[in-house]
C-alpha cells in the first residue's frame, strides 16, 4: 500500500451560452499521474499552505480542511493563472510557484478567499494504484465571462478550455482525445443535469 498524499481540486464554473461551463486543463504527456488527461485545476497540499493568510470559510467544509482549500486556490493560480483571493499577485509569482521557488507565504499581500469555495466531494485513490491521493473537491462560481484570462501553465498543464459537463462527457465517450479520470468523469456526471452556475453552487 503506497503513501496517501493530501491533495485538492477546484471545479471552476460560470454561466455560458449553453449552460454552466467548467474550466478544464489538459495534463502534460510527461505527467506522472494521469498523463494527457483533462482535469480540474488541483494538486498536492504543501506544508506552507497551512500558514497562508485567509479570509472567510469554505461552505460546507470542516475547519480542518482549511489547508486543502488553500491548496486548491494556490493550484488554481499555478495551473490555470486564476487567482481567487484578495490582492493582486506579482506577474512572476505563478512562474515561481510552478518552479517551487516560492510559496504563497512569500506574497503576504495576498489573502486566499475561502468563502468563494464550496465543499463538493472527497476521493481517495484505490489501494491498487502506485500513486495515491486523499483529495478534497471544491467548487467556485465565477460571473459570466469571468475567467477568460485562464491559461495552461505549460509545465503541468498544456491546454485549457471552457466546456459544459455534457460536452466534456460526450467527447470522452466518443474517444475524442478528451480522456477523463474516474473522479473527474463522475463529478461531471453529477453536474450534467444542472442548469446554471447558481445550481452548481447550491
Protein backbone atom coordinates (compact mmCIF):
# COMPACT_ATOMS: atom_id res chain seq x y z
CA UNK A 1 0.00 0.00 0.00
CA UNK A 2 1.52 3.31 -1.11
CA UNK A 3 1.64 6.59 0.77
CA UNK A 4 -1.61 8.55 0.56
CA UNK A 5 -0.81 12.20 -0.12
CA UNK A 6 -3.24 15.05 0.65
CA UNK A 7 -4.46 16.89 -2.45
CA UNK A 8 -7.13 19.36 -3.53
CA UNK A 9 -9.07 20.13 -6.70
CA UNK A 10 -11.29 23.08 -7.60
CA UNK A 11 -14.14 22.95 -10.12
CA UNK A 12 -14.46 26.46 -11.58
CA UNK A 13 -17.91 27.10 -13.05
CA UNK A 14 -19.51 30.04 -14.83
CA UNK A 15 -22.63 30.53 -16.95
CA UNK A 16 -22.19 30.28 -20.73
CA UNK A 17 -24.45 30.32 -23.77
CA UNK A 18 -25.21 26.59 -23.40
CA UNK A 19 -25.48 26.48 -19.62
CA UNK A 20 -22.84 26.16 -16.93
CA UNK A 21 -19.28 25.87 -18.22
CA UNK A 22 -16.37 24.23 -16.40
CA UNK A 23 -12.71 25.24 -16.74
CA UNK A 24 -10.67 22.19 -17.69
CA UNK A 25 -6.96 21.69 -18.25
CA UNK A 26 -5.06 19.03 -20.17
CA UNK A 27 -2.21 17.49 -18.20
CA UNK A 28 1.20 17.18 -19.81
CA UNK A 29 2.06 13.88 -21.52
CA UNK A 30 5.05 13.75 -19.14
CA UNK A 31 2.87 13.94 -16.02
CA UNK A 32 3.39 11.08 -13.59
CA UNK A 33 -0.33 10.82 -12.72
CA UNK A 34 -2.97 10.51 -15.48
CA UNK A 35 -0.79 11.99 -18.26
CA UNK A 36 -2.70 13.74 -21.07
CA UNK A 37 -5.97 13.62 -19.09
CA UNK A 38 -8.35 16.57 -18.92
CA UNK A 39 -8.68 17.64 -15.30
CA UNK A 40 -9.82 20.41 -12.98
CA UNK A 41 -7.06 22.60 -11.50
CA UNK A 42 -5.53 20.91 -8.48
CA UNK A 43 -2.58 19.19 -6.90
CA UNK A 44 -0.87 18.22 -3.68
CA UNK A 45 -1.28 20.08 -0.41
CA UNK A 46 2.01 21.71 0.61
CA UNK A 47 3.09 22.25 4.21
CA UNK A 48 3.24 26.01 3.56
CA UNK A 49 -0.47 26.08 2.70
CA UNK A 50 -1.34 25.84 6.39
CA UNK A 51 0.27 29.24 7.08
CA UNK A 52 -1.20 31.28 4.23
CA UNK A 53 -3.37 34.27 5.31
CA UNK A 54 -7.05 33.64 4.59
CA UNK A 55 -10.43 35.31 4.84
CA UNK A 56 -13.81 33.65 5.19
CA UNK A 57 -14.61 29.97 5.40
CA UNK A 58 -15.42 27.23 2.90
CA UNK A 59 -19.12 26.50 2.56
CA UNK A 60 -19.86 23.01 3.91
CA UNK A 61 -16.28 22.11 4.85
CA UNK A 62 -14.92 21.26 8.30
CA UNK A 63 -12.34 23.65 9.73
CA UNK A 64 -9.61 21.00 9.44
CA UNK A 65 -9.90 21.15 5.64
CA UNK A 66 -8.50 24.71 5.59
CA UNK A 67 -5.13 23.56 4.20
CA UNK A 68 -6.87 21.66 1.40
CA UNK A 69 -8.85 24.79 0.49
CA UNK A 70 -5.73 26.97 0.36
CA UNK A 71 -4.03 24.34 -1.81
CA UNK A 72 -7.00 24.40 -4.20
CA UNK A 73 -6.71 28.18 -4.59
CA UNK A 74 -2.92 28.05 -4.96
CA UNK A 75 -3.09 25.31 -7.58
CA UNK A 76 -5.69 27.33 -9.46
CA UNK A 77 -3.18 30.18 -9.72
CA UNK A 78 -0.31 27.83 -10.60
CA UNK A 79 -2.04 25.68 -13.20
CA UNK A 80 -4.71 28.00 -14.62
CA UNK A 81 -3.45 31.51 -13.89
CA UNK A 82 -6.64 32.44 -11.98
CA UNK A 83 -6.24 33.98 -8.52
CA UNK A 84 -9.26 33.56 -6.25
CA UNK A 85 -8.40 35.83 -3.37
CA UNK A 86 -7.66 39.35 -2.18
CA UNK A 87 -4.75 41.32 -3.59
CA UNK A 88 -3.06 41.15 -6.99
CA UNK A 89 -0.27 38.59 -7.49
CA UNK A 90 3.04 39.83 -8.87
CA UNK A 91 3.38 38.87 -12.55
CA UNK A 92 6.19 36.42 -11.82
CA UNK A 93 4.55 34.68 -8.83
CA UNK A 94 2.85 32.00 -10.91
CA UNK A 95 6.14 31.01 -12.56
CA UNK A 96 7.94 30.96 -9.20
CA UNK A 97 5.23 28.79 -7.66
CA UNK A 98 5.45 26.33 -10.53
CA UNK A 99 9.23 26.20 -10.20
CA UNK A 100 8.91 25.57 -6.43
CA UNK A 101 10.93 28.74 -5.87
CA UNK A 102 8.18 30.37 -3.79
CA UNK A 103 5.04 29.68 -1.78
CA UNK A 104 2.05 31.90 -1.09
CA UNK A 105 3.73 32.80 2.19
CA UNK A 106 6.22 34.76 0.06
CA UNK A 107 3.35 37.02 -1.07
CA UNK A 108 1.99 38.37 2.24
CA UNK A 109 -0.08 40.97 0.38
CA UNK A 110 -2.34 38.15 -0.84
CA UNK A 111 -5.14 36.53 1.14
CA UNK A 112 -6.83 33.34 -0.02
CA UNK A 113 -10.61 33.89 -0.05
CA UNK A 114 -12.02 30.64 1.31
CA UNK A 115 -15.58 31.98 1.17
CA UNK A 116 -15.56 31.62 -2.63
CA UNK A 117 -15.31 27.83 -2.24
CA UNK A 118 -17.98 25.23 -1.56
CA UNK A 119 -17.07 21.68 -0.48
CA UNK A 120 -18.23 19.08 -3.01
CA UNK A 121 -16.60 15.66 -2.62
CA UNK A 122 -13.84 13.56 -1.08
CA UNK A 123 -11.97 10.99 -3.16
CA UNK A 124 -9.18 8.60 -2.15
CA UNK A 125 -7.18 6.77 -4.83
CA UNK A 126 -7.71 2.95 -4.66
CA UNK A 127 -5.05 0.89 -2.90
CA UNK A 128 -4.08 -0.88 -6.13
CA UNK A 129 -2.69 2.34 -7.63
CA UNK A 130 1.06 3.10 -7.24
CA UNK A 131 0.34 6.79 -6.55
CA UNK A 132 -2.42 7.56 -4.10
CA UNK A 133 -4.08 10.83 -3.13
CA UNK A 134 -6.56 11.85 -0.45
CA UNK A 135 -8.35 14.61 -2.37
CA UNK A 136 -10.96 17.21 -1.47
CA UNK A 137 -13.04 18.57 -4.35
CA UNK A 138 -14.28 22.16 -4.12
CA UNK A 139 -16.48 24.35 -6.35
CA UNK A 140 -16.12 28.05 -7.11
CA UNK A 141 -18.59 30.14 -9.10
CA UNK A 142 -17.44 32.95 -11.39
CA UNK A 143 -19.57 35.55 -13.15
CA UNK A 144 -20.38 35.19 -16.87
CA UNK A 145 -17.25 35.97 -18.88
CA UNK A 146 -15.00 35.89 -15.83
CA UNK A 147 -12.00 33.60 -16.15
CA UNK A 148 -11.24 34.43 -19.77
CA UNK A 149 -7.65 35.02 -18.67
CA UNK A 150 -7.28 31.37 -17.68
CA UNK A 151 -4.44 29.56 -19.43
CA UNK A 152 -2.40 26.39 -19.04
CA UNK A 153 0.93 26.83 -17.29
CA UNK A 154 2.85 24.86 -19.97
CA UNK A 155 4.52 22.91 -17.16
CA UNK A 156 2.00 20.58 -15.57
CA UNK A 157 -0.80 21.58 -17.95
CA UNK A 158 -0.55 22.28 -21.66
CA UNK A 159 -4.04 23.32 -22.82
CA UNK A 160 -7.19 24.84 -21.34
CA UNK A 161 -10.83 25.20 -22.33
CA UNK A 162 -14.25 26.13 -21.01
CA UNK A 163 -16.69 23.29 -21.66
CA UNK A 164 -20.11 22.21 -20.43
CA UNK A 165 -20.25 18.95 -18.45
CA UNK A 166 -22.30 17.35 -21.23
CA UNK A 167 -19.77 18.35 -23.89
CA UNK A 168 -16.84 17.01 -21.86
CA UNK A 169 -18.59 13.70 -21.19
CA UNK A 170 -19.61 13.33 -24.84
CA UNK A 171 -16.06 13.91 -26.05
CA UNK A 172 -14.71 11.39 -23.55
CA UNK A 173 -17.25 8.74 -24.58
CA UNK A 174 -16.51 9.38 -28.27
CA UNK A 175 -12.77 8.95 -27.55
CA UNK A 176 -12.31 12.44 -29.00
CA UNK A 177 -8.87 12.96 -27.39
CA UNK A 178 -10.60 14.04 -24.17
CA UNK A 179 -9.73 11.39 -21.57
CA UNK A 180 -11.26 11.87 -18.12
CA UNK A 181 -10.06 10.11 -14.98
CA UNK A 182 -12.83 8.38 -12.99
CA UNK A 183 -13.26 11.09 -10.29
CA UNK A 184 -13.41 13.79 -12.99
CA UNK A 185 -15.89 11.78 -15.04
CA UNK A 186 -18.13 11.15 -12.01
CA UNK A 187 -18.02 14.80 -10.94
CA UNK A 188 -19.10 15.93 -14.41
CA UNK A 189 -21.93 13.39 -14.34
CA UNK A 190 -23.19 14.96 -11.13
CA UNK A 191 -23.11 18.43 -12.71
CA UNK A 192 -24.50 17.48 -16.14
CA UNK A 193 -28.18 17.97 -15.30
CA UNK A 194 -27.78 21.34 -13.58
CA UNK A 195 -28.99 24.36 -15.50
CA UNK A 196 -26.87 27.20 -14.17
CA UNK A 197 -23.78 28.11 -12.19
CA UNK A 198 -26.10 29.02 -9.31
CA UNK A 199 -27.48 25.47 -9.39
CA UNK A 200 -23.95 24.06 -9.22
CA UNK A 201 -23.11 26.31 -6.28
CA UNK A 202 -26.34 25.33 -4.49
